[in-house]
Amino acid sequence: MSRLHYPNARFLISAPTLSTCPADTGAEVAFAGRSNAGKSSAINALTHQKALARTSKTPGRTQLINFFSLGDDLERRLVDLPGYGFAKVPEAVKREWQHHLSDYLRRRASLRGLVLVMDVRHPLSEFDQTLLGWADDKAMPVHILLTKADKLKSGAAKNALHQVRSRLREWEDLVSLQLFSALKHQGVDEAHARLDLWLTGEPAG
C-alpha cells in the first residue's frame, strides 16, 4: 500500500520554461508521452481523480509544464509534460519545446524519475526513443507504462510487454516497464510502488 496520498494531488503551477518552474527542491516525477498515448488518463487514474491532469490546460497553450503537489506537501510533486507530437503546431514551436523539454530533463535537480507513457499497441515511437536517449545521458531512471492494455487480449498484451522489454535490453539497468489500463485501473498499485520509491527514496511498505 502506498505511503503517499495521491488522491490529495492538486494543481500547483504551469511553467513554459525551466526558469519559471517551482523551486528546484524536494523530489518530483515527470510524465511524458505522445499526445494520444493516454498520459492524462494515467495521471488521473494514479491520483484517483477525474480531471486533475487537465485542470491547468487551456486550448492553444500546449507547451506548458504542469506541476501538481501531493496535497500540502510541496516538496513532492508530479509533473505533466505536454504530449509530444503536436500535429497542429509549427515546426519552429516544436523545436522550441523540444529545447525546453531537453533543458528540463537534463538540468532539473529534483527530478527523480521519468514515467514514459506509451500506447501498448504503438510503443517506442521515434520521440520515445529520443526521450530514452536523454534519460540515458543523465542516468535518469525511466518507468514505462504500456497504456490501454484493456484494448488487447491478455496474451497479446503480455506478448507486447515482452517485445518492448526485449527491444530495451540495452537500457535495462535504467528502464522498468509494466502494462497499464486507466479504464480498468490495471497496474495502479505497481506504478504507485515505483513512484513511492522515487519520491521518498524508500520502497513501499
N, C-alpha and C. Protein backbone atom coordinates (compact mmCIF):
# COMPACT_ATOMS: atom_id res chain seq x y z
N MET A 1 0.84 -1.19 0.00
CA MET A 1 0.00 0.00 0.00
C MET A 1 0.88 1.24 0.00
N SER A 2 0.49 2.24 -0.79
CA SER A 2 1.30 3.44 -0.92
C SER A 2 1.30 4.26 0.36
N ARG A 3 2.46 4.82 0.72
CA ARG A 3 2.53 5.69 1.89
C ARG A 3 2.22 7.14 1.52
N LEU A 4 2.16 7.45 0.23
CA LEU A 4 1.86 8.81 -0.21
C LEU A 4 0.38 8.93 -0.57
N HIS A 5 -0.17 10.11 -0.39
CA HIS A 5 -1.60 10.32 -0.57
C HIS A 5 -1.87 10.91 -1.97
N TYR A 6 -1.82 10.06 -2.97
CA TYR A 6 -2.00 10.52 -4.35
C TYR A 6 -3.37 11.16 -4.60
N PRO A 7 -4.45 10.71 -3.94
CA PRO A 7 -5.74 11.38 -4.16
C PRO A 7 -5.76 12.84 -3.71
N ASN A 8 -4.77 13.24 -2.88
CA ASN A 8 -4.70 14.63 -2.43
C ASN A 8 -3.95 15.53 -3.42
N ALA A 9 -3.50 14.96 -4.54
CA ALA A 9 -2.74 15.76 -5.52
C ALA A 9 -3.58 16.93 -6.00
N ARG A 10 -2.93 18.08 -6.14
CA ARG A 10 -3.64 19.26 -6.62
C ARG A 10 -2.73 20.09 -7.52
N PHE A 11 -3.34 20.84 -8.40
CA PHE A 11 -2.59 21.68 -9.33
C PHE A 11 -1.78 22.73 -8.58
N LEU A 12 -0.52 22.89 -8.99
CA LEU A 12 0.38 23.84 -8.35
C LEU A 12 0.66 25.03 -9.26
N ILE A 13 1.21 24.77 -10.45
CA ILE A 13 1.57 25.86 -11.36
C ILE A 13 1.85 25.31 -12.74
N SER A 14 1.69 26.14 -13.77
CA SER A 14 2.12 25.81 -15.13
C SER A 14 3.31 26.68 -15.48
N ALA A 15 4.30 26.08 -16.10
CA ALA A 15 5.53 26.82 -16.43
C ALA A 15 5.90 26.58 -17.89
N PRO A 16 6.15 27.65 -18.66
CA PRO A 16 6.53 27.48 -20.06
C PRO A 16 8.00 27.11 -20.25
N THR A 17 8.86 27.46 -19.29
CA THR A 17 10.30 27.21 -19.41
C THR A 17 10.87 26.74 -18.08
N LEU A 18 12.09 26.25 -18.11
CA LEU A 18 12.75 25.78 -16.91
C LEU A 18 12.86 26.89 -15.87
N SER A 19 13.14 28.10 -16.32
CA SER A 19 13.36 29.21 -15.38
C SER A 19 12.09 29.61 -14.64
N THR A 20 10.92 29.24 -15.15
CA THR A 20 9.66 29.60 -14.48
C THR A 20 9.07 28.43 -13.68
N CYS A 21 9.80 27.32 -13.57
CA CYS A 21 9.35 26.18 -12.79
C CYS A 21 9.44 26.50 -11.29
N PRO A 22 8.74 25.74 -10.45
CA PRO A 22 8.86 25.95 -9.00
C PRO A 22 10.29 25.74 -8.53
N ALA A 23 10.54 26.13 -7.29
CA ALA A 23 11.88 25.96 -6.72
C ALA A 23 12.35 24.52 -6.90
N ASP A 24 13.62 24.37 -7.29
CA ASP A 24 14.19 23.06 -7.62
C ASP A 24 14.65 22.35 -6.35
N THR A 25 13.68 22.04 -5.49
CA THR A 25 13.97 21.36 -4.23
C THR A 25 13.03 20.15 -4.09
N GLY A 26 13.32 19.29 -3.14
CA GLY A 26 12.46 18.13 -2.93
C GLY A 26 12.63 17.09 -4.01
N ALA A 27 11.53 16.41 -4.35
CA ALA A 27 11.57 15.33 -5.33
C ALA A 27 10.34 15.39 -6.22
N GLU A 28 10.55 15.16 -7.51
CA GLU A 28 9.42 15.14 -8.45
C GLU A 28 9.61 14.05 -9.49
N VAL A 29 8.49 13.59 -10.01
CA VAL A 29 8.47 12.59 -11.08
C VAL A 29 7.70 13.18 -12.24
N ALA A 30 8.28 13.10 -13.43
CA ALA A 30 7.66 13.69 -14.62
C ALA A 30 7.05 12.60 -15.50
N PHE A 31 5.90 12.93 -16.09
CA PHE A 31 5.20 12.05 -17.02
C PHE A 31 5.32 12.60 -18.42
N ALA A 32 5.75 11.77 -19.36
CA ALA A 32 5.89 12.18 -20.75
C ALA A 32 5.24 11.14 -21.66
N GLY A 33 4.83 11.55 -22.85
CA GLY A 33 4.25 10.61 -23.79
C GLY A 33 3.61 11.31 -24.96
N ARG A 34 3.32 10.55 -26.00
CA ARG A 34 2.65 11.11 -27.17
C ARG A 34 1.27 11.63 -26.78
N SER A 35 0.78 12.58 -27.55
CA SER A 35 -0.48 13.24 -27.24
C SER A 35 -1.64 12.27 -27.08
N ASN A 36 -1.61 11.16 -27.79
CA ASN A 36 -2.73 10.21 -27.75
C ASN A 36 -2.40 8.91 -27.02
N ALA A 37 -1.37 8.94 -26.19
CA ALA A 37 -0.93 7.70 -25.52
C ALA A 37 -1.70 7.43 -24.23
N GLY A 38 -2.50 8.39 -23.77
CA GLY A 38 -3.26 8.19 -22.54
C GLY A 38 -2.56 8.71 -21.30
N LYS A 39 -1.69 9.72 -21.48
CA LYS A 39 -0.92 10.25 -20.35
C LYS A 39 -1.82 10.91 -19.30
N SER A 40 -2.73 11.78 -19.75
CA SER A 40 -3.63 12.44 -18.80
C SER A 40 -4.48 11.42 -18.06
N SER A 41 -4.98 10.44 -18.79
CA SER A 41 -5.81 9.40 -18.16
C SER A 41 -5.00 8.61 -17.13
N ALA A 42 -3.73 8.35 -17.43
CA ALA A 42 -2.88 7.63 -16.49
C ALA A 42 -2.67 8.43 -15.21
N ILE A 43 -2.38 9.72 -15.36
CA ILE A 43 -2.18 10.57 -14.18
C ILE A 43 -3.46 10.63 -13.34
N ASN A 44 -4.59 10.77 -14.02
CA ASN A 44 -5.86 10.82 -13.29
C ASN A 44 -6.16 9.50 -12.58
N ALA A 45 -5.84 8.37 -13.22
CA ALA A 45 -6.06 7.07 -12.59
C ALA A 45 -5.16 6.90 -11.37
N LEU A 46 -3.91 7.35 -11.48
CA LEU A 46 -2.96 7.21 -10.38
C LEU A 46 -3.30 8.10 -9.19
N THR A 47 -4.02 9.20 -9.44
CA THR A 47 -4.39 10.10 -8.35
C THR A 47 -5.86 9.92 -7.95
N HIS A 48 -6.53 8.95 -8.60
CA HIS A 48 -7.95 8.68 -8.33
C HIS A 48 -8.80 9.94 -8.49
N GLN A 49 -8.45 10.74 -9.51
CA GLN A 49 -9.21 11.94 -9.82
C GLN A 49 -9.65 11.89 -11.28
N LYS A 50 -10.68 12.64 -11.61
CA LYS A 50 -11.25 12.55 -12.95
C LYS A 50 -10.61 13.51 -13.95
N ALA A 51 -10.12 14.64 -13.49
CA ALA A 51 -9.63 15.63 -14.46
C ALA A 51 -8.44 16.43 -13.95
N LEU A 52 -7.67 15.88 -13.02
CA LEU A 52 -6.53 16.61 -12.47
C LEU A 52 -5.57 17.04 -13.56
N ALA A 53 -5.21 16.12 -14.46
CA ALA A 53 -4.19 16.41 -15.46
C ALA A 53 -4.66 17.40 -16.51
N ARG A 54 -5.94 17.76 -16.48
CA ARG A 54 -6.43 18.73 -17.46
C ARG A 54 -6.76 20.08 -16.83
N THR A 55 -6.71 20.18 -15.52
CA THR A 55 -7.16 21.40 -14.86
C THR A 55 -6.35 22.61 -15.27
N SER A 56 -5.08 22.40 -15.62
CA SER A 56 -4.22 23.54 -15.93
C SER A 56 -4.10 23.78 -17.43
N LYS A 57 -4.75 22.96 -18.22
CA LYS A 57 -4.62 23.09 -19.66
C LYS A 57 -5.64 24.08 -20.22
N THR A 58 -5.18 24.95 -21.10
CA THR A 58 -6.08 25.83 -21.83
C THR A 58 -5.82 25.64 -23.31
N PRO A 59 -6.83 25.72 -24.15
CA PRO A 59 -6.64 25.50 -25.59
C PRO A 59 -5.54 26.39 -26.15
N GLY A 60 -4.66 25.77 -26.92
CA GLY A 60 -3.59 26.52 -27.56
C GLY A 60 -2.36 26.73 -26.70
N ARG A 61 -2.41 26.33 -25.42
CA ARG A 61 -1.26 26.51 -24.55
C ARG A 61 -0.63 25.15 -24.27
N THR A 62 -0.25 24.45 -25.34
CA THR A 62 0.18 23.06 -25.20
C THR A 62 1.60 22.91 -24.71
N GLN A 63 2.38 24.00 -24.67
CA GLN A 63 3.79 23.86 -24.31
C GLN A 63 4.08 24.14 -22.84
N LEU A 64 3.11 23.92 -21.97
CA LEU A 64 3.31 24.21 -20.55
C LEU A 64 3.70 22.95 -19.78
N ILE A 65 4.62 23.12 -18.83
CA ILE A 65 4.98 22.05 -17.90
C ILE A 65 4.08 22.24 -16.68
N ASN A 66 3.25 21.26 -16.40
CA ASN A 66 2.25 21.40 -15.34
C ASN A 66 2.68 20.63 -14.09
N PHE A 67 2.70 21.33 -12.97
CA PHE A 67 3.16 20.77 -11.70
C PHE A 67 1.98 20.54 -10.77
N PHE A 68 2.01 19.38 -10.09
CA PHE A 68 0.99 19.04 -9.10
C PHE A 68 1.69 18.66 -7.80
N SER A 69 1.24 19.21 -6.71
CA SER A 69 1.78 18.83 -5.40
C SER A 69 0.92 17.72 -4.82
N LEU A 70 1.52 16.92 -3.95
CA LEU A 70 0.74 15.87 -3.28
C LEU A 70 0.10 16.50 -2.04
N GLY A 71 -1.02 17.15 -2.24
CA GLY A 71 -1.69 17.88 -1.18
C GLY A 71 -0.86 19.07 -0.76
N ASP A 72 -0.65 19.23 0.55
CA ASP A 72 0.12 20.37 1.06
C ASP A 72 1.62 20.12 1.04
N ASP A 73 2.03 18.93 0.62
CA ASP A 73 3.45 18.58 0.56
C ASP A 73 4.04 19.13 -0.74
N LEU A 74 4.57 20.34 -0.69
CA LEU A 74 5.10 20.98 -1.90
C LEU A 74 6.46 20.41 -2.30
N GLU A 75 7.04 19.59 -1.44
CA GLU A 75 8.35 19.01 -1.73
C GLU A 75 8.26 17.71 -2.51
N ARG A 76 7.05 17.20 -2.72
CA ARG A 76 6.85 16.01 -3.55
C ARG A 76 5.85 16.37 -4.62
N ARG A 77 6.27 16.22 -5.88
CA ARG A 77 5.44 16.72 -6.98
C ARG A 77 5.38 15.72 -8.12
N LEU A 78 4.24 15.73 -8.82
CA LEU A 78 4.09 15.06 -10.10
C LEU A 78 4.12 16.14 -11.16
N VAL A 79 4.74 15.84 -12.29
CA VAL A 79 4.89 16.83 -13.36
C VAL A 79 4.34 16.27 -14.66
N ASP A 80 3.42 17.00 -15.26
CA ASP A 80 2.81 16.59 -16.52
C ASP A 80 3.46 17.37 -17.65
N LEU A 81 4.30 16.68 -18.42
CA LEU A 81 4.93 17.32 -19.58
C LEU A 81 3.96 17.27 -20.75
N PRO A 82 3.91 18.32 -21.58
CA PRO A 82 2.97 18.32 -22.71
C PRO A 82 3.15 17.11 -23.60
N GLY A 83 2.04 16.59 -24.12
CA GLY A 83 2.12 15.48 -25.05
C GLY A 83 2.89 15.90 -26.29
N TYR A 84 3.89 15.12 -26.66
CA TYR A 84 4.69 15.50 -27.83
C TYR A 84 4.05 14.97 -29.10
N GLY A 85 4.43 15.59 -30.20
CA GLY A 85 3.85 15.26 -31.49
C GLY A 85 2.65 16.14 -31.80
N PHE A 86 2.73 17.42 -31.37
CA PHE A 86 1.60 18.33 -31.62
C PHE A 86 1.43 18.50 -33.12
N ALA A 87 0.44 17.86 -33.69
CA ALA A 87 0.26 17.85 -35.14
C ALA A 87 0.01 19.23 -35.72
N LYS A 88 -0.66 20.10 -34.94
CA LYS A 88 -1.06 21.40 -35.47
C LYS A 88 -0.12 22.53 -35.05
N VAL A 89 1.00 22.18 -34.47
CA VAL A 89 1.94 23.19 -34.00
C VAL A 89 3.06 23.36 -35.04
N PRO A 90 3.43 24.59 -35.37
CA PRO A 90 4.50 24.83 -36.35
C PRO A 90 5.82 24.19 -35.92
N GLU A 91 6.63 23.83 -36.92
CA GLU A 91 7.90 23.15 -36.65
C GLU A 91 8.79 23.97 -35.72
N ALA A 92 8.81 25.29 -35.89
CA ALA A 92 9.65 26.15 -35.04
C ALA A 92 9.23 26.03 -33.58
N VAL A 93 7.92 25.92 -33.34
CA VAL A 93 7.41 25.78 -31.98
C VAL A 93 7.79 24.41 -31.42
N LYS A 94 7.70 23.38 -32.27
CA LYS A 94 8.09 22.04 -31.83
C LYS A 94 9.56 22.02 -31.41
N ARG A 95 10.41 22.66 -32.20
CA ARG A 95 11.85 22.69 -31.88
C ARG A 95 12.08 23.44 -30.58
N GLU A 96 11.35 24.54 -30.40
CA GLU A 96 11.47 25.34 -29.17
C GLU A 96 11.09 24.50 -27.96
N TRP A 97 9.95 23.77 -28.10
CA TRP A 97 9.51 22.95 -26.97
C TRP A 97 10.49 21.82 -26.69
N GLN A 98 11.02 21.20 -27.73
CA GLN A 98 12.00 20.13 -27.52
C GLN A 98 13.22 20.66 -26.77
N HIS A 99 13.58 21.89 -27.05
CA HIS A 99 14.70 22.52 -26.35
C HIS A 99 14.37 22.65 -24.86
N HIS A 100 13.15 23.14 -24.55
CA HIS A 100 12.76 23.30 -23.15
C HIS A 100 12.64 21.95 -22.45
N LEU A 101 12.12 20.96 -23.16
CA LEU A 101 11.98 19.62 -22.60
C LEU A 101 13.35 19.03 -22.28
N SER A 102 14.28 19.15 -23.22
CA SER A 102 15.63 18.66 -23.01
C SER A 102 16.28 19.38 -21.83
N ASP A 103 16.07 20.70 -21.77
CA ASP A 103 16.58 21.53 -20.68
C ASP A 103 16.08 21.01 -19.33
N TYR A 104 14.78 20.76 -19.29
CA TYR A 104 14.16 20.29 -18.05
C TYR A 104 14.74 18.93 -17.64
N LEU A 105 14.80 17.99 -18.59
CA LEU A 105 15.26 16.65 -18.25
C LEU A 105 16.74 16.62 -17.86
N ARG A 106 17.54 17.48 -18.45
CA ARG A 106 18.97 17.46 -18.18
C ARG A 106 19.35 18.24 -16.92
N ARG A 107 18.60 19.30 -16.61
CA ARG A 107 19.07 20.24 -15.59
C ARG A 107 18.24 20.27 -14.32
N ARG A 108 17.08 19.64 -14.30
CA ARG A 108 16.20 19.71 -13.12
C ARG A 108 16.72 18.78 -12.03
N ALA A 109 17.31 19.35 -10.98
CA ALA A 109 17.98 18.55 -9.94
C ALA A 109 16.99 17.73 -9.12
N SER A 110 15.75 18.19 -8.96
CA SER A 110 14.79 17.47 -8.12
C SER A 110 14.09 16.34 -8.87
N LEU A 111 14.35 16.21 -10.17
CA LEU A 111 13.72 15.14 -10.95
C LEU A 111 14.33 13.79 -10.58
N ARG A 112 13.49 12.89 -10.07
CA ARG A 112 13.97 11.59 -9.60
C ARG A 112 13.72 10.46 -10.60
N GLY A 113 12.79 10.68 -11.51
CA GLY A 113 12.50 9.63 -12.48
C GLY A 113 11.50 10.12 -13.50
N LEU A 114 11.46 9.42 -14.62
CA LEU A 114 10.58 9.77 -15.73
C LEU A 114 9.63 8.61 -16.00
N VAL A 115 8.33 8.89 -15.99
CA VAL A 115 7.33 7.90 -16.39
C VAL A 115 7.01 8.16 -17.85
N LEU A 116 7.35 7.20 -18.69
CA LEU A 116 7.14 7.33 -20.13
C LEU A 116 5.90 6.52 -20.51
N VAL A 117 4.89 7.23 -21.01
CA VAL A 117 3.60 6.61 -21.30
C VAL A 117 3.53 6.28 -22.79
N MET A 118 3.27 5.01 -23.10
CA MET A 118 3.17 4.56 -24.49
C MET A 118 1.91 3.72 -24.65
N ASP A 119 1.21 3.92 -25.74
CA ASP A 119 0.09 3.04 -26.10
C ASP A 119 0.67 1.66 -26.38
N VAL A 120 0.18 0.64 -25.69
CA VAL A 120 0.73 -0.70 -25.84
C VAL A 120 0.69 -1.19 -27.28
N ARG A 121 -0.20 -0.61 -28.09
CA ARG A 121 -0.32 -1.03 -29.49
C ARG A 121 0.65 -0.28 -30.40
N HIS A 122 1.24 0.82 -29.92
CA HIS A 122 2.15 1.64 -30.74
C HIS A 122 3.33 2.11 -29.89
N PRO A 123 4.13 1.19 -29.36
CA PRO A 123 5.21 1.59 -28.46
C PRO A 123 6.47 2.03 -29.20
N LEU A 124 7.34 2.72 -28.46
CA LEU A 124 8.69 3.07 -28.93
C LEU A 124 8.69 3.87 -30.22
N SER A 125 7.94 4.97 -30.21
CA SER A 125 7.99 5.90 -31.34
C SER A 125 9.38 6.54 -31.39
N GLU A 126 9.64 7.27 -32.45
CA GLU A 126 10.93 7.94 -32.59
C GLU A 126 11.20 8.87 -31.41
N PHE A 127 10.16 9.61 -30.99
CA PHE A 127 10.37 10.54 -29.89
C PHE A 127 10.49 9.82 -28.55
N ASP A 128 9.80 8.69 -28.39
CA ASP A 128 10.01 7.87 -27.20
C ASP A 128 11.49 7.52 -27.07
N GLN A 129 12.08 7.13 -28.18
CA GLN A 129 13.48 6.73 -28.17
C GLN A 129 14.40 7.92 -27.93
N THR A 130 14.00 9.11 -28.42
CA THR A 130 14.77 10.32 -28.12
C THR A 130 14.76 10.60 -26.63
N LEU A 131 13.59 10.46 -26.01
CA LEU A 131 13.49 10.67 -24.56
C LEU A 131 14.34 9.67 -23.79
N LEU A 132 14.34 8.43 -24.24
CA LEU A 132 15.17 7.42 -23.59
C LEU A 132 16.65 7.78 -23.72
N GLY A 133 17.01 8.35 -24.85
CA GLY A 133 18.39 8.80 -25.04
C GLY A 133 18.76 9.91 -24.08
N TRP A 134 17.86 10.89 -23.90
CA TRP A 134 18.09 11.97 -22.95
C TRP A 134 18.24 11.42 -21.53
N ALA A 135 17.34 10.48 -21.18
CA ALA A 135 17.39 9.89 -19.85
C ALA A 135 18.70 9.13 -19.65
N ASP A 136 19.14 8.43 -20.69
CA ASP A 136 20.39 7.67 -20.63
C ASP A 136 21.57 8.61 -20.40
N ASP A 137 21.57 9.76 -21.08
CA ASP A 137 22.65 10.73 -20.92
C ASP A 137 22.80 11.18 -19.47
N LYS A 138 21.67 11.29 -18.78
CA LYS A 138 21.69 11.78 -17.40
C LYS A 138 21.61 10.64 -16.38
N ALA A 139 21.60 9.39 -16.85
CA ALA A 139 21.43 8.23 -15.96
C ALA A 139 20.15 8.37 -15.15
N MET A 140 19.09 8.84 -15.81
CA MET A 140 17.79 9.06 -15.18
C MET A 140 16.93 7.80 -15.31
N PRO A 141 16.44 7.23 -14.21
CA PRO A 141 15.60 6.03 -14.33
C PRO A 141 14.28 6.34 -15.02
N VAL A 142 13.80 5.39 -15.81
CA VAL A 142 12.55 5.53 -16.57
C VAL A 142 11.64 4.34 -16.25
N HIS A 143 10.38 4.63 -16.00
CA HIS A 143 9.38 3.58 -15.83
C HIS A 143 8.35 3.74 -16.93
N ILE A 144 8.20 2.72 -17.75
CA ILE A 144 7.29 2.80 -18.90
C ILE A 144 5.93 2.21 -18.53
N LEU A 145 4.88 2.98 -18.79
CA LEU A 145 3.51 2.47 -18.68
C LEU A 145 3.02 2.15 -20.08
N LEU A 146 2.78 0.89 -20.35
CA LEU A 146 2.20 0.49 -21.63
C LEU A 146 0.68 0.56 -21.45
N THR A 147 0.12 1.71 -21.83
CA THR A 147 -1.26 2.02 -21.53
C THR A 147 -2.24 1.35 -22.50
N LYS A 148 -3.52 1.46 -22.14
CA LYS A 148 -4.62 0.92 -22.95
C LYS A 148 -4.50 -0.59 -23.10
N ALA A 149 -3.95 -1.24 -22.05
CA ALA A 149 -3.77 -2.69 -22.09
C ALA A 149 -5.11 -3.40 -22.23
N ASP A 150 -6.19 -2.72 -21.83
CA ASP A 150 -7.53 -3.32 -21.95
C ASP A 150 -7.97 -3.47 -23.41
N LYS A 151 -7.28 -2.80 -24.31
CA LYS A 151 -7.62 -2.89 -25.74
C LYS A 151 -7.14 -4.18 -26.37
N LEU A 152 -6.27 -4.90 -25.67
CA LEU A 152 -5.74 -6.16 -26.18
C LEU A 152 -6.16 -7.31 -25.27
N LYS A 153 -6.25 -8.49 -25.83
CA LYS A 153 -6.47 -9.68 -25.01
C LYS A 153 -5.22 -9.91 -24.15
N SER A 154 -5.40 -10.61 -23.06
CA SER A 154 -4.32 -10.79 -22.08
C SER A 154 -3.04 -11.32 -22.71
N GLY A 155 -3.16 -12.33 -23.54
CA GLY A 155 -1.97 -12.92 -24.16
C GLY A 155 -1.25 -11.95 -25.07
N ALA A 156 -2.02 -11.18 -25.85
CA ALA A 156 -1.42 -10.21 -26.77
C ALA A 156 -0.74 -9.08 -26.00
N ALA A 157 -1.35 -8.66 -24.89
CA ALA A 157 -0.76 -7.59 -24.08
C ALA A 157 0.56 -8.05 -23.47
N LYS A 158 0.59 -9.27 -22.96
CA LYS A 158 1.83 -9.80 -22.38
C LYS A 158 2.90 -9.97 -23.44
N ASN A 159 2.50 -10.37 -24.63
CA ASN A 159 3.45 -10.51 -25.73
C ASN A 159 4.05 -9.15 -26.08
N ALA A 160 3.21 -8.10 -26.11
CA ALA A 160 3.70 -6.75 -26.39
C ALA A 160 4.69 -6.30 -25.33
N LEU A 161 4.38 -6.61 -24.06
CA LEU A 161 5.29 -6.27 -22.96
C LEU A 161 6.64 -6.93 -23.16
N HIS A 162 6.65 -8.21 -23.50
CA HIS A 162 7.91 -8.94 -23.71
C HIS A 162 8.69 -8.36 -24.89
N GLN A 163 7.98 -7.98 -25.95
CA GLN A 163 8.65 -7.42 -27.13
C GLN A 163 9.33 -6.10 -26.81
N VAL A 164 8.63 -5.24 -26.08
CA VAL A 164 9.21 -3.95 -25.71
C VAL A 164 10.41 -4.16 -24.79
N ARG A 165 10.25 -5.07 -23.82
CA ARG A 165 11.37 -5.36 -22.91
C ARG A 165 12.60 -5.85 -23.68
N SER A 166 12.37 -6.67 -24.68
CA SER A 166 13.47 -7.18 -25.49
C SER A 166 14.17 -6.07 -26.25
N ARG A 167 13.38 -5.14 -26.79
CA ARG A 167 13.95 -4.03 -27.56
C ARG A 167 14.71 -3.04 -26.68
N LEU A 168 14.40 -3.05 -25.38
CA LEU A 168 15.04 -2.10 -24.46
C LEU A 168 16.15 -2.73 -23.64
N ARG A 169 16.62 -3.88 -24.09
CA ARG A 169 17.62 -4.61 -23.31
C ARG A 169 18.86 -3.75 -23.02
N GLU A 170 19.24 -2.90 -23.96
CA GLU A 170 20.45 -2.09 -23.75
C GLU A 170 20.26 -1.06 -22.64
N TRP A 171 19.00 -0.77 -22.28
CA TRP A 171 18.72 0.20 -21.23
C TRP A 171 18.19 -0.46 -19.96
N GLU A 172 18.33 -1.77 -19.83
CA GLU A 172 17.64 -2.47 -18.76
C GLU A 172 18.11 -2.06 -17.37
N ASP A 173 19.29 -1.45 -17.25
CA ASP A 173 19.74 -1.00 -15.93
C ASP A 173 18.99 0.25 -15.49
N LEU A 174 18.39 0.99 -16.44
CA LEU A 174 17.67 2.22 -16.11
C LEU A 174 16.17 2.12 -16.30
N VAL A 175 15.71 1.18 -17.11
CA VAL A 175 14.31 1.16 -17.54
C VAL A 175 13.55 -0.02 -16.95
N SER A 176 12.38 0.27 -16.39
CA SER A 176 11.43 -0.77 -15.98
C SER A 176 10.13 -0.52 -16.73
N LEU A 177 9.27 -1.52 -16.82
CA LEU A 177 8.05 -1.33 -17.58
C LEU A 177 6.94 -2.25 -17.07
N GLN A 178 5.70 -1.87 -17.40
CA GLN A 178 4.54 -2.63 -16.96
C GLN A 178 3.37 -2.35 -17.89
N LEU A 179 2.38 -3.23 -17.82
CA LEU A 179 1.11 -2.99 -18.50
C LEU A 179 0.25 -2.10 -17.62
N PHE A 180 -0.59 -1.28 -18.26
CA PHE A 180 -1.41 -0.33 -17.50
C PHE A 180 -2.71 -0.07 -18.25
N SER A 181 -3.80 0.04 -17.51
CA SER A 181 -5.07 0.44 -18.10
C SER A 181 -5.76 1.40 -17.14
N ALA A 182 -5.89 2.67 -17.57
CA ALA A 182 -6.60 3.66 -16.74
C ALA A 182 -8.06 3.27 -16.61
N LEU A 183 -8.63 2.75 -17.69
CA LEU A 183 -10.05 2.39 -17.69
C LEU A 183 -10.35 1.31 -16.65
N LYS A 184 -9.49 0.31 -16.60
CA LYS A 184 -9.71 -0.82 -15.68
C LYS A 184 -8.93 -0.68 -14.37
N HIS A 185 -8.20 0.41 -14.23
CA HIS A 185 -7.32 0.62 -13.07
C HIS A 185 -6.33 -0.53 -12.90
N GLN A 186 -5.91 -1.09 -14.02
CA GLN A 186 -4.91 -2.15 -14.02
C GLN A 186 -3.52 -1.55 -13.87
N GLY A 187 -2.74 -2.08 -12.93
CA GLY A 187 -1.35 -1.65 -12.79
C GLY A 187 -1.15 -0.43 -11.91
N VAL A 188 -2.22 0.09 -11.28
CA VAL A 188 -2.10 1.29 -10.46
C VAL A 188 -1.19 1.05 -9.25
N ASP A 189 -1.38 -0.07 -8.55
CA ASP A 189 -0.56 -0.35 -7.37
C ASP A 189 0.91 -0.51 -7.74
N GLU A 190 1.16 -1.18 -8.85
CA GLU A 190 2.56 -1.38 -9.31
C GLU A 190 3.21 -0.04 -9.63
N ALA A 191 2.47 0.84 -10.29
CA ALA A 191 3.00 2.16 -10.62
C ALA A 191 3.22 2.99 -9.35
N HIS A 192 2.29 2.91 -8.40
CA HIS A 192 2.45 3.63 -7.13
C HIS A 192 3.73 3.20 -6.42
N ALA A 193 4.04 1.90 -6.47
CA ALA A 193 5.25 1.40 -5.81
C ALA A 193 6.49 2.07 -6.39
N ARG A 194 6.51 2.25 -7.71
CA ARG A 194 7.65 2.90 -8.36
C ARG A 194 7.71 4.38 -7.98
N LEU A 195 6.56 5.07 -7.99
CA LEU A 195 6.52 6.48 -7.62
C LEU A 195 6.95 6.67 -6.17
N ASP A 196 6.47 5.79 -5.28
CA ASP A 196 6.86 5.86 -3.87
C ASP A 196 8.38 5.79 -3.72
N LEU A 197 8.97 4.86 -4.43
CA LEU A 197 10.42 4.67 -4.34
C LEU A 197 11.15 5.93 -4.77
N TRP A 198 10.73 6.53 -5.86
CA TRP A 198 11.39 7.73 -6.37
C TRP A 198 11.13 8.95 -5.48
N LEU A 199 9.91 9.10 -5.00
CA LEU A 199 9.54 10.31 -4.27
C LEU A 199 9.96 10.29 -2.80
N THR A 200 10.12 9.09 -2.23
CA THR A 200 10.51 9.01 -0.81
C THR A 200 11.91 8.42 -0.62
N GLY A 201 12.42 7.75 -1.66
CA GLY A 201 13.72 7.09 -1.51
C GLY A 201 13.63 5.75 -0.83
N GLU A 202 12.39 5.32 -0.50
CA GLU A 202 12.21 4.05 0.20
C GLU A 202 11.13 3.24 -0.51
N PRO A 203 11.28 1.91 -0.54
CA PRO A 203 10.24 1.08 -1.15
C PRO A 203 8.94 1.15 -0.37
N ALA A 204 7.82 0.93 -1.07
CA ALA A 204 6.52 0.93 -0.40
C ALA A 204 6.47 -0.18 0.62
N GLY A 205 5.84 0.12 1.76
CA GLY A 205 5.76 -0.88 2.81
C GLY A 205 4.33 -1.14 3.22
